[in-house]
Amino acid sequence: MVLTKGNLQSYSRLPAKRMIQTCFTLLFFVISLVAVSTVAKADGKSNVYTIYHIYVGDKHIGTLQDDEPVLSYIEETLKEYEKEYPDLSLQIDENIKVIPEMVFNEEKEDEDVLSSLEDKMIVQAEAIALVIDDQPAVYVATIEEAEKAIEKLVTQYVDKEAYEHFQMMVEEDEDLTLKVGEEKITNLSLTEEVIEEESVVLPEEVLSVEDAVLKINKGVLKEQPYIVKEGDVLSSIANNHDLTTAKLLELNKELDVDSVIRVGQEIQVTVYEPLVKVLTTKVEKVEEEIPYQTEVKEDDSMWKGDQKVTQQGQTGIQLLEYEITEQDGNVIQRKVLLEEVTKEPVKKIIVKGTKEMPSRGSGSLGWPAVGGYISSYQGNRWGRFHRGIDIARPNNYNILAADNGTISFAGSQGGYGNLVRINHNNGMETLYAHLDSIDVKVGQTVAKGQKIGVMGQTGHSTGIHLHFEVYENGQLKNPMDYLK
């Protein structure tokens, strides 16, 4: 008979345990009793004994004069297992039979029956197997724990609230309507079919929900390629993949301990591959900006190098619905389901000048200030030779280039203070001194009448004015010979 935790407890409530097994051998026992009684009456003797044959499956392991030791041993064994595994439903694996027999002569019982029973008797637990790829992957105690394990497997990568909402959507066939910034799961699946099957296994094979999920996640070792990176050596690659160097070489027959590996080379390693992965498909609705474009227009009335913005750019707005597929939380596919522009972008318009600025002067100098008068001419003054003319009291303090040219100097120079020199590329050069500020740089091309700075009184100056000098072929000239 098969003894389980349940029926052993029910049998123990019977007044005489020796009668337990008679339900399987009642007919045999009655026939034996009648036969013995008949013989006893025939010879006038009444010495009759009962012995008990102990079987494990079809194998006879011995004979006892009392069945109590066997029953007690089974009961105590189950009690010990119950203490260690209180949440499991336990049973004896083998079919243990106790068969009584009536005999005339008292027989000696086998002393090693219990030790033989101990060797052959296996206690097992009822469990639910999670079968993956036709193989039992893990065992848990109940169908409820199996469901929890699958849920926990999924909610490693899916928010539990989103998971519960998805289940509700499926049950209620909810319409998939999204608000901006909202996402909903549309499909959840596993890469392998997971089947729940009833099973009987050793108690130590039954795992908690947490341990079952860890075992599924860890999976099995599989070979996969590794691409050698800068600084890698065989020992470091092996160590990073929990391998010995010898095992790494075994996986790569073309290598040996003296092999030189190169960056980009492919080497086989082993990694743990999960038994099953979680596939999630979800839809999200987002509002995204549409970047504006920039248009550049040319204007030949503006100097080359000058530009201005005539229309500021504005970003547009669009509504997008994405379908995102993830495997174990990693995005493997993303596609647009719906695209709706709610605000068109406005392009930015920049106007750039194309007018070329001539660098060669005309030879005719223009007045280098905005109005004003000559407060001091070239010649002897205060015991010294005054090299140019001074222009004072202008309408504003802007200083203008006397002709087209290239800036050859722009900075501070002794008694001149802030100074600008223009090479007119025709043998002539003009000098502008005592500036408060300078608006040009060396190498810059300027046009006649272009502002090059602001009048001031830097250097040796008695007031705000412009000191102006003219040179031709390196010789100092009188500005009044060139100014109109």
Protein backbone atom coordinates (compact mmCIF):
# COMPACT_ATOMS: atom_id res chain seq x y z
CA MET A 1 0.00 0.00 0.00
CA VAL A 2 1.09 3.59 -0.56
CA LEU A 3 1.35 5.49 2.70
CA THR A 4 0.91 9.23 2.54
CA LYS A 5 0.91 11.79 5.29
CA GLY A 6 -2.88 11.96 5.13
CA ASN A 7 -3.82 8.25 5.25
CA LEU A 8 -1.16 7.41 7.86
CA GLN A 9 -2.74 9.84 10.26
CA SER A 10 -6.18 8.41 9.63
CA TYR A 11 -4.92 4.85 10.18
CA SER A 12 -3.34 5.79 13.51
CA ARG A 13 -6.74 6.47 14.97
CA LEU A 14 -7.75 2.81 14.57
CA PRO A 15 -7.69 0.80 17.88
CA ALA A 16 -5.36 -1.92 16.55
CA LYS A 17 -2.65 -0.95 14.05
CA ARG A 18 -1.97 -4.58 13.23
CA MET A 19 -5.30 -4.68 11.40
CA ILE A 20 -4.31 -1.88 8.99
CA GLN A 21 -2.78 -4.13 6.36
CA THR A 22 -5.57 -6.70 6.39
CA CYS A 23 -7.57 -4.56 3.97
CA PHE A 24 -5.02 -5.61 1.29
CA THR A 25 -4.61 -9.25 2.34
CA LEU A 26 -7.90 -10.10 4.01
CA LEU A 27 -8.76 -12.96 1.70
CA PHE A 28 -5.26 -14.45 2.01
CA PHE A 29 -5.42 -14.17 5.79
CA VAL A 30 -8.91 -15.75 6.08
CA ILE A 31 -7.90 -18.70 3.87
CA SER A 32 -4.72 -19.20 5.93
CA LEU A 33 -6.67 -19.03 9.19
CA VAL A 34 -9.22 -21.60 8.01
CA ALA A 35 -6.46 -23.89 6.81
CA VAL A 36 -4.51 -23.66 10.07
CA SER A 37 -7.66 -24.21 12.16
CA THR A 38 -8.53 -27.31 10.17
CA VAL A 39 -5.07 -28.77 10.65
CA ALA A 40 -5.07 -27.88 14.34
CA LYS A 41 -8.35 -29.70 14.89
CA ALA A 42 -7.04 -32.72 13.06
CA ASP A 43 -3.99 -33.23 15.25
CA GLY A 44 -5.38 -31.74 18.46
CA LYS A 45 -2.78 -28.96 18.65
CA SER A 46 -3.56 -25.25 18.99
CA ASN A 47 -0.08 -23.51 18.72
CA VAL A 48 -0.61 -21.03 15.87
CA TYR A 49 1.59 -17.94 15.21
CA THR A 50 1.18 -14.83 13.04
CA ILE A 51 4.17 -13.47 11.18
CA TYR A 52 4.39 -10.38 8.94
CA HIS A 53 6.11 -10.27 5.56
CA ILE A 54 7.47 -6.82 4.63
CA TYR A 55 7.62 -5.88 0.94
CA VAL A 56 8.93 -2.74 -0.77
CA GLY A 57 7.35 -2.88 -4.17
CA ASP A 58 7.70 -6.50 -5.29
CA LYS A 59 10.87 -7.08 -3.25
CA HIS A 60 10.61 -9.06 -0.01
CA ILE A 61 12.96 -7.46 2.53
CA GLY A 62 12.20 -9.61 5.59
CA THR A 63 9.78 -11.06 8.14
CA LEU A 64 8.70 -9.70 11.55
CA GLN A 65 6.64 -11.12 14.38
CA ASP A 66 4.97 -7.73 14.85
CA ASP A 67 4.04 -5.00 12.34
CA GLU A 68 4.32 -2.24 14.94
CA PRO A 69 8.02 -1.40 14.29
CA VAL A 70 7.37 -0.84 10.59
CA LEU A 71 4.34 1.37 11.15
CA SER A 72 6.11 3.31 13.88
CA TYR A 73 9.18 3.79 11.71
CA ILE A 74 7.10 5.14 8.84
CA GLU A 75 5.18 7.44 11.13
CA GLU A 76 8.31 8.79 12.84
CA THR A 77 10.04 9.32 9.52
CA LEU A 78 7.14 11.37 8.23
CA LYS A 79 7.05 13.39 11.44
CA GLU A 80 10.73 14.25 11.07
CA TYR A 81 10.19 15.38 7.51
CA GLU A 82 7.13 17.38 8.59
CA LYS A 83 9.27 19.33 11.02
CA GLU A 84 11.76 20.21 8.27
CA TYR A 85 9.16 20.81 5.56
CA PRO A 86 6.00 21.94 7.41
CA ASP A 87 4.38 23.49 4.32
CA LEU A 88 4.63 20.44 2.07
CA SER A 89 2.30 17.53 1.56
CA LEU A 90 4.53 14.48 2.09
CA GLN A 91 4.20 10.83 1.16
CA ILE A 92 6.19 7.62 0.98
CA ASP A 93 7.41 7.02 -2.53
CA GLU A 94 7.60 3.21 -2.57
CA ASN A 95 4.65 0.84 -2.34
CA ILE A 96 5.23 -0.69 1.13
CA LYS A 97 3.17 -3.84 1.93
CA VAL A 98 2.82 -5.64 5.26
CA ILE A 99 1.30 -9.12 4.65
CA PRO A 100 0.39 -11.34 7.67
CA GLU A 101 0.71 -15.16 7.57
CA MET A 102 -0.50 -17.84 10.05
CA VAL A 103 2.21 -20.46 10.83
CA PHE A 104 2.50 -23.43 13.21
CA ASN A 105 6.10 -22.92 14.20
CA GLU A 106 7.40 -19.72 15.70
CA GLU A 107 9.95 -18.21 13.30
CA LYS A 108 12.91 -15.95 14.04
CA GLU A 109 12.39 -12.44 12.66
CA ASP A 110 14.90 -10.68 10.42
CA GLU A 111 16.92 -8.11 12.32
CA ASP A 112 17.84 -5.98 9.32
CA VAL A 113 14.29 -5.30 8.12
CA LEU A 114 14.20 -1.71 9.40
CA SER A 115 17.67 -0.89 8.10
CA SER A 116 16.69 -2.31 4.71
CA LEU A 117 13.49 -0.28 4.84
CA GLU A 118 15.48 2.85 5.67
CA ASP A 119 17.69 2.31 2.63
CA LYS A 120 14.80 1.73 0.25
CA MET A 121 12.08 4.03 1.57
CA ILE A 122 11.97 7.49 0.00
CA VAL A 123 9.88 10.37 1.31
CA GLN A 124 8.56 12.63 -1.41
CA ALA A 125 6.49 15.79 -1.61
CA GLU A 126 3.60 16.78 -3.80
CA ALA A 127 4.63 19.71 -5.97
CA ILE A 128 3.85 21.74 -9.07
CA ALA A 129 6.47 21.64 -11.81
CA LEU A 130 7.01 24.62 -14.11
CA VAL A 131 7.83 22.86 -17.37
CA ILE A 132 9.87 24.86 -19.91
CA ASP A 133 10.86 23.41 -23.28
CA ASP A 134 9.37 20.04 -22.27
CA GLN A 135 11.64 19.84 -19.21
CA PRO A 136 10.70 20.49 -15.56
CA ALA A 137 12.62 23.67 -14.72
CA VAL A 138 11.65 24.24 -11.08
CA TYR A 139 9.25 22.87 -8.49
CA VAL A 140 7.06 24.84 -6.08
CA ALA A 141 4.67 23.65 -3.41
CA THR A 142 1.27 24.66 -4.82
CA ILE A 143 -0.49 25.87 -7.92
CA GLU A 144 -0.89 29.25 -6.19
CA GLU A 145 2.87 29.52 -5.74
CA ALA A 146 3.39 28.53 -9.37
CA GLU A 147 1.16 31.45 -10.40
CA LYS A 148 3.07 33.78 -8.06
CA ALA A 149 6.38 32.64 -9.54
CA ILE A 150 5.21 33.45 -13.07
CA GLU A 151 3.88 36.82 -11.90
CA LYS A 152 7.16 37.61 -10.16
CA LEU A 153 9.06 36.56 -13.28
CA VAL A 154 7.07 39.10 -15.31
CA THR A 155 7.05 41.94 -12.76
CA GLN A 156 10.84 41.98 -12.65
CA TYR A 157 10.60 44.01 -15.85
CA VAL A 158 7.03 45.32 -15.76
CA ASP A 159 5.66 47.67 -13.14
CA LYS A 160 3.25 45.70 -10.95
CA GLU A 161 0.54 48.33 -11.25
CA ALA A 162 0.88 48.29 -15.05
CA TYR A 163 0.80 44.48 -14.98
CA GLU A 164 -2.42 44.44 -12.94
CA HIS A 165 -3.97 47.07 -15.23
CA PHE A 166 -3.08 44.93 -18.26
CA GLN A 167 -4.82 41.93 -16.69
CA MET A 168 -7.89 44.08 -16.03
CA MET A 169 -7.86 45.33 -19.65
CA VAL A 170 -7.79 41.75 -20.91
CA GLU A 171 -10.61 40.66 -18.61
CA GLU A 172 -12.82 43.67 -19.34
CA ASP A 173 -11.77 44.11 -23.01
CA GLU A 174 -10.97 47.76 -22.25
CA ASP A 175 -10.62 50.23 -25.13
CA LEU A 176 -7.02 51.41 -25.67
CA THR A 177 -7.35 55.19 -25.36
CA LEU A 178 -4.27 57.10 -24.27
CA LYS A 179 -3.68 60.56 -22.85
CA VAL A 180 -0.48 62.49 -23.52
CA GLY A 181 2.28 61.11 -21.32
CA GLU A 182 0.43 57.83 -20.69
CA GLU A 183 1.47 54.32 -21.67
CA LYS A 184 -0.35 50.99 -21.56
CA ILE A 185 0.75 47.40 -22.00
CA THR A 186 -0.93 45.70 -24.96
CA ASN A 187 0.74 42.30 -24.79
CA LEU A 188 2.73 40.21 -22.33
CA SER A 189 4.30 36.89 -23.22
CA LEU A 190 7.21 34.59 -22.51
CA THR A 191 9.74 33.43 -25.07
CA GLU A 192 9.02 29.81 -24.09
CA GLU A 193 5.77 28.09 -23.12
CA VAL A 194 5.56 27.48 -19.38
CA ILE A 195 3.29 24.61 -18.33
CA GLU A 196 2.20 23.82 -14.78
CA GLU A 197 2.15 20.10 -14.01
CA GLU A 198 1.49 18.13 -10.85
CA SER A 199 4.52 16.18 -9.73
CA VAL A 200 6.05 14.23 -6.85
CA VAL A 201 9.69 15.05 -6.01
CA LEU A 202 12.17 15.01 -3.16
CA PRO A 203 11.25 17.68 -0.59
CA GLU A 204 14.56 19.49 -1.01
CA GLU A 205 13.78 20.06 -4.69
CA VAL A 206 10.73 22.17 -3.84
CA LEU A 207 11.73 25.85 -3.95
CA SER A 208 10.28 29.06 -2.62
CA VAL A 209 8.80 31.47 -5.16
CA GLU A 210 11.86 33.72 -4.92
CA ASP A 211 14.36 30.88 -5.39
CA ALA A 212 12.35 29.45 -8.28
CA VAL A 213 12.50 32.79 -10.13
CA LEU A 214 16.24 33.10 -9.44
CA LYS A 215 16.85 29.65 -10.89
CA ILE A 216 14.84 30.44 -14.03
CA ASN A 217 16.73 33.73 -14.42
CA LYS A 218 20.10 32.09 -14.00
CA GLY A 219 19.20 29.45 -16.55
CA VAL A 220 21.89 27.35 -18.14
CA LEU A 221 25.39 27.89 -19.43
CA LYS A 222 25.62 28.55 -23.15
CA GLU A 223 28.50 29.38 -25.42
CA GLN A 224 28.57 32.80 -27.03
CA PRO A 225 31.19 34.95 -28.78
CA TYR A 226 33.14 37.69 -26.98
CA ILE A 227 34.91 40.47 -28.88
CA VAL A 228 38.38 41.25 -27.51
CA LYS A 229 38.78 44.82 -26.20
CA GLU A 230 41.81 46.99 -25.51
CA GLY A 231 43.75 45.67 -22.52
CA ASP A 232 42.20 42.17 -22.58
CA VAL A 233 44.33 39.09 -21.94
CA LEU A 234 43.22 35.45 -21.82
CA SER A 235 43.27 35.30 -18.02
CA SER A 236 41.18 38.47 -17.58
CA ILE A 237 38.60 37.30 -20.14
CA ALA A 238 38.35 33.93 -18.38
CA ASN A 239 38.05 35.55 -14.94
CA ASN A 240 35.34 37.98 -16.10
CA HIS A 241 33.23 35.03 -17.29
CA ASP A 242 33.80 32.79 -14.24
CA LEU A 243 36.05 30.48 -16.23
CA THR A 244 39.51 29.10 -15.70
CA THR A 245 42.07 29.82 -18.39
CA ALA A 246 42.18 26.08 -19.10
CA LYS A 247 38.41 26.00 -19.67
CA LEU A 248 38.64 29.06 -21.93
CA LEU A 249 41.31 27.32 -24.02
CA GLU A 250 39.15 24.20 -24.16
CA LEU A 251 36.37 26.30 -25.69
CA ASN A 252 38.84 27.81 -28.19
CA LYS A 253 40.93 24.96 -29.61
CA GLU A 254 42.91 27.30 -31.88
CA LEU A 255 44.39 29.11 -28.84
CA ASP A 256 47.06 28.13 -26.32
CA VAL A 257 48.58 29.83 -23.26
CA ASP A 258 51.13 31.65 -25.44
CA SER A 259 48.63 32.94 -28.01
CA VAL A 260 48.57 36.68 -28.66
CA ILE A 261 45.01 38.00 -28.96
CA ARG A 262 44.07 41.10 -30.96
CA VAL A 263 41.48 43.82 -30.39
CA GLY A 264 38.34 42.87 -32.33
CA GLN A 265 39.13 39.14 -32.29
CA GLU A 266 36.20 36.81 -31.52
CA ILE A 267 36.62 34.33 -28.66
CA GLN A 268 34.06 31.80 -27.40
CA VAL A 269 33.04 32.12 -23.75
CA THR A 270 30.20 30.68 -21.70
CA VAL A 271 27.50 32.75 -20.03
CA TYR A 272 24.31 31.93 -18.18
CA GLU A 273 21.28 32.17 -20.44
CA PRO A 274 17.84 32.55 -18.78
CA LEU A 275 15.45 29.65 -19.39
CA VAL A 276 12.75 32.06 -20.44
CA LYS A 277 12.57 35.78 -21.19
CA VAL A 278 9.73 38.27 -20.78
CA LEU A 279 8.40 40.00 -23.90
CA THR A 280 6.43 43.19 -23.35
CA THR A 281 4.61 45.27 -25.94
CA LYS A 282 3.31 48.64 -24.87
CA VAL A 283 1.92 51.77 -26.49
CA GLU A 284 2.78 55.27 -25.30
CA LYS A 285 1.54 58.69 -26.35
CA VAL A 286 3.95 61.61 -26.15
CA GLU A 287 4.16 65.23 -27.20
CA GLU A 288 7.40 66.10 -28.97
CA GLU A 289 8.89 69.28 -30.35
CA ILE A 290 9.46 69.66 -34.10
CA PRO A 291 12.74 71.53 -34.62
CA TYR A 292 12.52 74.55 -36.87
CA GLN A 293 14.61 74.91 -40.01
CA THR A 294 16.92 77.81 -40.78
CA GLU A 295 16.80 79.58 -44.14
CA VAL A 296 19.67 81.82 -45.21
CA LYS A 297 19.00 84.60 -47.72
CA GLU A 298 21.64 86.69 -49.45
CA ASP A 299 21.51 90.47 -49.68
CA ASP A 300 23.93 92.29 -51.98
CA SER A 301 23.22 95.62 -50.28
CA MET A 302 24.83 94.38 -47.05
CA TRP A 303 28.56 94.05 -46.59
CA LYS A 304 29.92 90.53 -46.77
CA GLY A 305 30.34 89.20 -43.22
CA ASP A 306 27.34 91.15 -41.89
CA GLN A 307 24.10 89.33 -41.16
CA LYS A 308 20.78 89.88 -39.42
CA VAL A 309 17.83 87.73 -38.36
CA THR A 310 14.64 88.85 -40.07
CA GLN A 311 12.40 86.09 -38.64
CA GLN A 312 12.90 84.21 -35.39
CA GLY A 313 12.45 80.44 -35.53
CA GLN A 314 9.79 78.65 -33.47
CA THR A 315 9.60 74.94 -32.70
CA GLY A 316 6.47 73.05 -33.66
CA ILE A 317 4.59 70.40 -31.65
CA GLN A 318 3.48 66.93 -32.69
CA LEU A 319 1.64 64.08 -30.97
CA LEU A 320 3.16 60.64 -31.44
CA GLU A 321 2.03 57.15 -30.49
CA TYR A 322 4.84 54.61 -30.27
CA GLU A 323 4.63 50.83 -30.06
CA ILE A 324 7.60 49.61 -28.03
CA THR A 325 8.68 45.99 -27.73
CA GLU A 326 10.98 45.05 -24.85
CA GLN A 327 12.76 41.82 -23.93
CA ASP A 328 13.62 41.55 -20.23
CA GLY A 329 13.22 45.33 -19.96
CA ASN A 330 15.48 46.16 -22.92
CA VAL A 331 13.96 47.87 -25.98
CA ILE A 332 14.35 45.68 -29.08
CA GLN A 333 11.90 47.48 -31.38
CA ARG A 334 10.25 50.90 -31.52
CA LYS A 335 7.88 52.02 -34.26
CA VAL A 336 5.53 54.96 -34.81
CA LEU A 337 1.82 54.09 -34.91
CA LEU A 338 0.38 57.61 -35.14
CA GLU A 339 1.84 61.04 -35.93
CA GLU A 340 -0.20 64.25 -35.68
CA VAL A 341 1.19 67.80 -36.01
CA THR A 342 -0.64 70.19 -33.68
CA LYS A 343 1.59 73.24 -34.25
CA GLU A 344 3.66 73.84 -37.35
CA PRO A 345 7.24 75.04 -36.82
CA VAL A 346 8.25 78.52 -38.01
CA LYS A 347 11.58 78.68 -39.81
CA LYS A 348 14.32 81.08 -38.85
CA ILE A 349 15.38 83.47 -41.62
CA ILE A 350 18.88 84.94 -41.66
CA VAL A 351 19.95 87.56 -44.18
CA LYS A 352 23.67 87.60 -44.99
CA GLY A 353 25.46 90.31 -46.89
CA THR A 354 27.28 89.51 -50.12
CA LYS A 355 28.58 92.99 -50.97
CA GLU A 356 32.31 92.78 -51.35
CA MET A 357 34.24 95.45 -49.46
CA PRO A 358 37.11 96.88 -51.62
CA SER A 359 40.43 97.04 -49.83
CA ARG A 360 42.16 99.47 -52.27
CA GLY A 361 41.68 103.15 -51.72
CA SER A 362 40.57 105.62 -54.36
CA GLY A 363 43.30 108.13 -53.51
CA SER A 364 40.73 110.74 -52.53
CA LEU A 365 40.46 110.98 -48.77
CA GLY A 366 37.17 111.66 -47.02
CA TRP A 367 36.68 113.67 -43.80
CA PRO A 368 37.54 111.22 -40.95
CA ALA A 369 35.02 112.60 -38.47
CA VAL A 370 31.36 113.54 -38.28
CA GLY A 371 31.59 117.27 -38.57
CA GLY A 372 33.94 119.18 -36.30
CA TYR A 373 36.73 121.64 -37.11
CA ILE A 374 40.53 121.67 -37.29
CA SER A 375 41.79 122.81 -33.93
CA SER A 376 45.47 122.38 -34.83
CA TYR A 377 47.23 122.08 -38.21
CA GLN A 378 50.42 120.29 -39.19
CA GLY A 379 53.57 122.24 -38.37
CA ASN A 380 55.66 123.61 -35.49
CA ARG A 381 53.74 123.90 -32.26
CA TRP A 382 54.98 124.54 -28.74
CA GLY A 383 58.54 123.96 -29.84
CA ARG A 384 57.80 120.66 -31.54
CA PHE A 385 56.67 119.56 -35.01
CA HIS A 386 52.97 118.57 -35.08
CA ARG A 387 52.79 115.64 -37.55
CA GLY A 388 49.13 115.84 -38.47
CA ILE A 389 45.93 117.75 -37.86
CA ASP A 390 43.61 117.71 -34.85
CA ILE A 391 39.83 117.61 -35.35
CA ALA A 392 37.66 118.66 -32.40
CA ARG A 393 34.05 119.33 -31.45
CA PRO A 394 32.35 116.99 -33.99
CA ASN A 395 28.62 116.32 -34.23
CA ASN A 396 29.31 112.87 -32.65
CA TYR A 397 32.48 111.11 -31.66
CA ASN A 398 32.50 108.42 -34.37
CA ILE A 399 35.76 108.18 -36.33
CA LEU A 400 35.48 107.18 -39.98
CA ALA A 401 37.91 105.55 -42.41
CA ALA A 402 39.20 108.21 -44.83
CA ASP A 403 39.31 105.66 -47.69
CA ASN A 404 39.01 101.94 -48.47
CA GLY A 405 41.78 99.85 -46.98
CA THR A 406 43.07 97.18 -44.60
CA ILE A 407 43.68 97.67 -40.88
CA SER A 408 47.44 97.34 -40.33
CA PHE A 409 47.47 98.32 -36.62
CA ALA A 410 44.83 98.57 -33.90
CA GLY A 411 46.00 99.06 -30.33
CA SER A 412 47.80 101.35 -27.91
CA GLN A 413 51.04 103.11 -28.88
CA GLY A 414 52.81 105.56 -26.52
CA GLY A 415 51.74 109.20 -26.75
CA TYR A 416 49.28 108.38 -29.52
CA GLY A 417 47.16 106.44 -27.01
CA ASN A 418 44.71 104.13 -28.76
CA LEU A 419 45.73 104.12 -32.39
CA VAL A 420 44.43 102.76 -35.73
CA ARG A 421 46.47 102.61 -38.95
CA ILE A 422 44.87 101.91 -42.33
CA ASN A 423 46.87 100.71 -45.34
CA HIS A 424 44.96 101.84 -48.41
CA ASN A 425 46.91 99.42 -50.61
CA ASN A 426 47.73 102.20 -53.10
CA GLY A 427 50.86 103.55 -51.43
CA MET A 428 48.89 105.65 -48.95
CA GLU A 429 48.40 105.10 -45.21
CA THR A 430 46.32 107.06 -42.67
CA LEU A 431 46.70 107.22 -38.89
CA TYR A 432 43.99 107.89 -36.26
CA ALA A 433 45.12 108.61 -32.66
CA HIS A 434 43.80 109.32 -29.11
CA LEU A 435 40.75 107.01 -29.63
CA ASP A 436 38.54 106.21 -26.69
CA SER A 437 37.68 102.83 -28.21
CA ILE A 438 38.57 100.79 -31.28
CA ASP A 439 35.95 98.97 -33.41
CA VAL A 440 38.21 97.15 -35.91
CA LYS A 441 40.88 94.42 -35.91
CA VAL A 442 44.16 93.97 -37.72
CA GLY A 443 43.63 92.42 -41.16
CA GLN A 444 40.05 93.64 -41.42
CA THR A 445 38.95 95.34 -44.65
CA VAL A 446 37.14 98.63 -44.19
CA ALA A 447 35.29 100.89 -46.59
CA LYS A 448 35.54 104.63 -46.95
CA GLY A 449 33.31 106.27 -44.35
CA GLN A 450 33.05 103.11 -42.17
CA LYS A 451 33.23 103.64 -38.42
CA ILE A 452 36.56 102.42 -37.02
CA GLY A 453 36.40 103.79 -33.46
CA VAL A 454 35.29 106.53 -31.08
CA MET A 455 37.07 109.84 -30.46
CA GLY A 456 38.73 110.25 -27.05
CA GLN A 457 41.73 111.69 -25.23
CA THR A 458 44.03 108.71 -24.61
CA GLY A 459 47.84 109.17 -24.74
CA HIS A 460 49.22 112.72 -24.70
CA SER A 461 46.06 114.69 -25.31
CA THR A 462 44.72 118.03 -24.01
CA GLY A 463 41.10 117.16 -24.68
CA ILE A 464 38.77 115.01 -26.74
CA HIS A 465 39.83 115.18 -30.37
CA LEU A 466 41.12 113.10 -33.31
CA HIS A 467 44.77 113.33 -34.34
CA PHE A 468 44.96 112.45 -38.07
CA GLU A 469 48.09 111.79 -40.14
CA VAL A 470 48.65 110.90 -43.81
CA TYR A 471 51.57 108.99 -45.41
CA GLU A 472 52.35 108.28 -49.05
CA ASN A 473 54.99 105.75 -50.03
CA GLY A 474 56.20 105.86 -46.43
CA GLN A 475 56.62 109.66 -46.39
CA LEU A 476 54.65 111.92 -44.01
CA LYS A 477 52.32 114.22 -45.88
CA ASN A 478 50.14 117.18 -45.01
CA PRO A 479 46.56 115.90 -44.64
CA MET A 480 45.24 119.23 -45.98
CA ASP A 481 46.69 118.32 -49.38
CA TYR A 482 44.35 115.32 -49.59
CA LEU A 483 41.21 116.34 -47.75
CA LYS A 484 38.41 118.10 -49.52
